[in-house]
């Protein structure tokens, strides 16, 4: 466990290719798309 943490701490230069705000907006957009897909699949099916 400690070895993995040391490896994570020593690696430098791993940054996101886009700003954090852009990454968050893309993630939020994907979540909204998944929500809309879920809602569209659930319509028209009456509950028992």
C-alpha atoms as a PDB file:
ATOM      1  CA  UNK A   1       0.000   0.000   0.000  1.00  0.00           C
ATOM      2  CA  UNK A   2       2.754   2.428   0.952  1.00  0.00           C
ATOM      3  CA  UNK A   3       4.694   1.547  -2.195  1.00  0.00           C
ATOM      4  CA  UNK A   4       1.716   2.523  -4.367  1.00  0.00           C
ATOM      5  CA  UNK A   5       1.349   5.820  -2.535  1.00  0.00           C
ATOM      6  CA  UNK A   6       5.041   6.565  -2.977  1.00  0.00           C
ATOM      7  CA  UNK A   7       4.718   5.890  -6.714  1.00  0.00           C
ATOM      8  CA  UNK A   8       1.729   8.216  -6.933  1.00  0.00           C
ATOM      9  CA  UNK A   9       3.552  10.956  -5.082  1.00  0.00           C
ATOM     10  CA  UNK A  10       6.757  10.723  -7.123  1.00  0.00           C
ATOM     11  CA  UNK A  11       5.164  10.831 -10.576  1.00  0.00           C
ATOM     12  CA  UNK A  12       5.080  14.371 -11.899  1.00  0.00           C
ATOM     13  CA  UNK A  13       3.574  15.751 -15.075  1.00  0.00           C
ATOM     14  CA  UNK A  14       0.227  13.966 -15.089  1.00  0.00           C
ATOM     15  CA  UNK A  15      -2.164  16.809 -15.628  1.00  0.00           C
ATOM     16  CA  UNK A  16      -5.537  16.919 -17.319  1.00  0.00           C
ATOM     17  CA  UNK A  17      -5.380  17.799 -21.008  1.00  0.00           C
ATOM     18  CA  UNK A  18      -8.226  20.264 -20.412  1.00  0.00           C
ATOM     19  CA  UNK A  19      -8.942  22.611 -17.474  1.00  0.00           C
ATOM     20  CA  UNK A  20     -10.766  21.189 -14.473  1.00  0.00           C
ATOM     21  CA  UNK A  21     -13.847  23.294 -15.281  1.00  0.00           C
ATOM     22  CA  UNK A  22     -14.066  21.743 -18.745  1.00  0.00           C
ATOM     23  CA  UNK A  23     -13.661  18.277 -17.296  1.00  0.00           C
ATOM     24  CA  UNK A  24     -16.474  18.971 -14.834  1.00  0.00           C
ATOM     25  CA  UNK A  25     -18.773  20.299 -17.569  1.00  0.00           C
ATOM     26  CA  UNK A  26     -18.166  17.222 -19.712  1.00  0.00           C
ATOM     27  CA  UNK A  27     -18.898  14.956 -16.739  1.00  0.00           C
ATOM     28  CA  UNK A  28     -22.063  16.900 -15.937  1.00  0.00           C
ATOM     29  CA  UNK A  29     -23.190  16.678 -19.567  1.00  0.00           C
ATOM     30  CA  UNK A  30     -22.673  12.916 -19.585  1.00  0.00           C
ATOM     31  CA  UNK A  31     -24.690  12.581 -16.387  1.00  0.00           C
ATOM     32  CA  UNK A  32     -27.542  14.614 -17.880  1.00  0.00           C
ATOM     33  CA  UNK A  33     -27.488  12.451 -21.030  1.00  0.00           C
ATOM     34  CA  UNK A  34     -27.657   9.299 -18.918  1.00  0.00           C
ATOM     35  CA  UNK A  35     -30.522  10.767 -16.896  1.00  0.00           C
ATOM     36  CA  UNK A  36     -32.464  11.629 -20.045  1.00  0.00           C
ATOM     37  CA  UNK A  37     -31.835   8.162 -21.482  1.00  0.00           C
ATOM     38  CA  UNK A  38     -33.069   6.567 -18.263  1.00  0.00           C
ATOM     39  CA  UNK A  39     -36.198   8.724 -18.184  1.00  0.00           C
ATOM     40  CA  UNK A  40     -36.992   8.066 -21.850  1.00  0.00           C
ATOM     41  CA  UNK A  41     -36.685   4.288 -21.423  1.00  0.00           C
ATOM     42  CA  UNK A  42     -38.962   4.319 -18.392  1.00  0.00           C
ATOM     43  CA  UNK A  43     -41.853   6.100 -20.091  1.00  0.00           C
ATOM     44  CA  UNK A  44     -44.787   4.082 -21.375  1.00  0.00           C
ATOM     45  CA  UNK A  45     -44.287   1.228 -18.945  1.00  0.00           C
ATOM     46  CA  UNK A  46     -47.067   1.193 -16.376  1.00  0.00           C
ATOM     47  CA  UNK A  47     -46.248  -0.012 -12.920  1.00  0.00           C
ATOM     48  CA  UNK A  48     -47.938  -3.174 -11.751  1.00  0.00           C
END
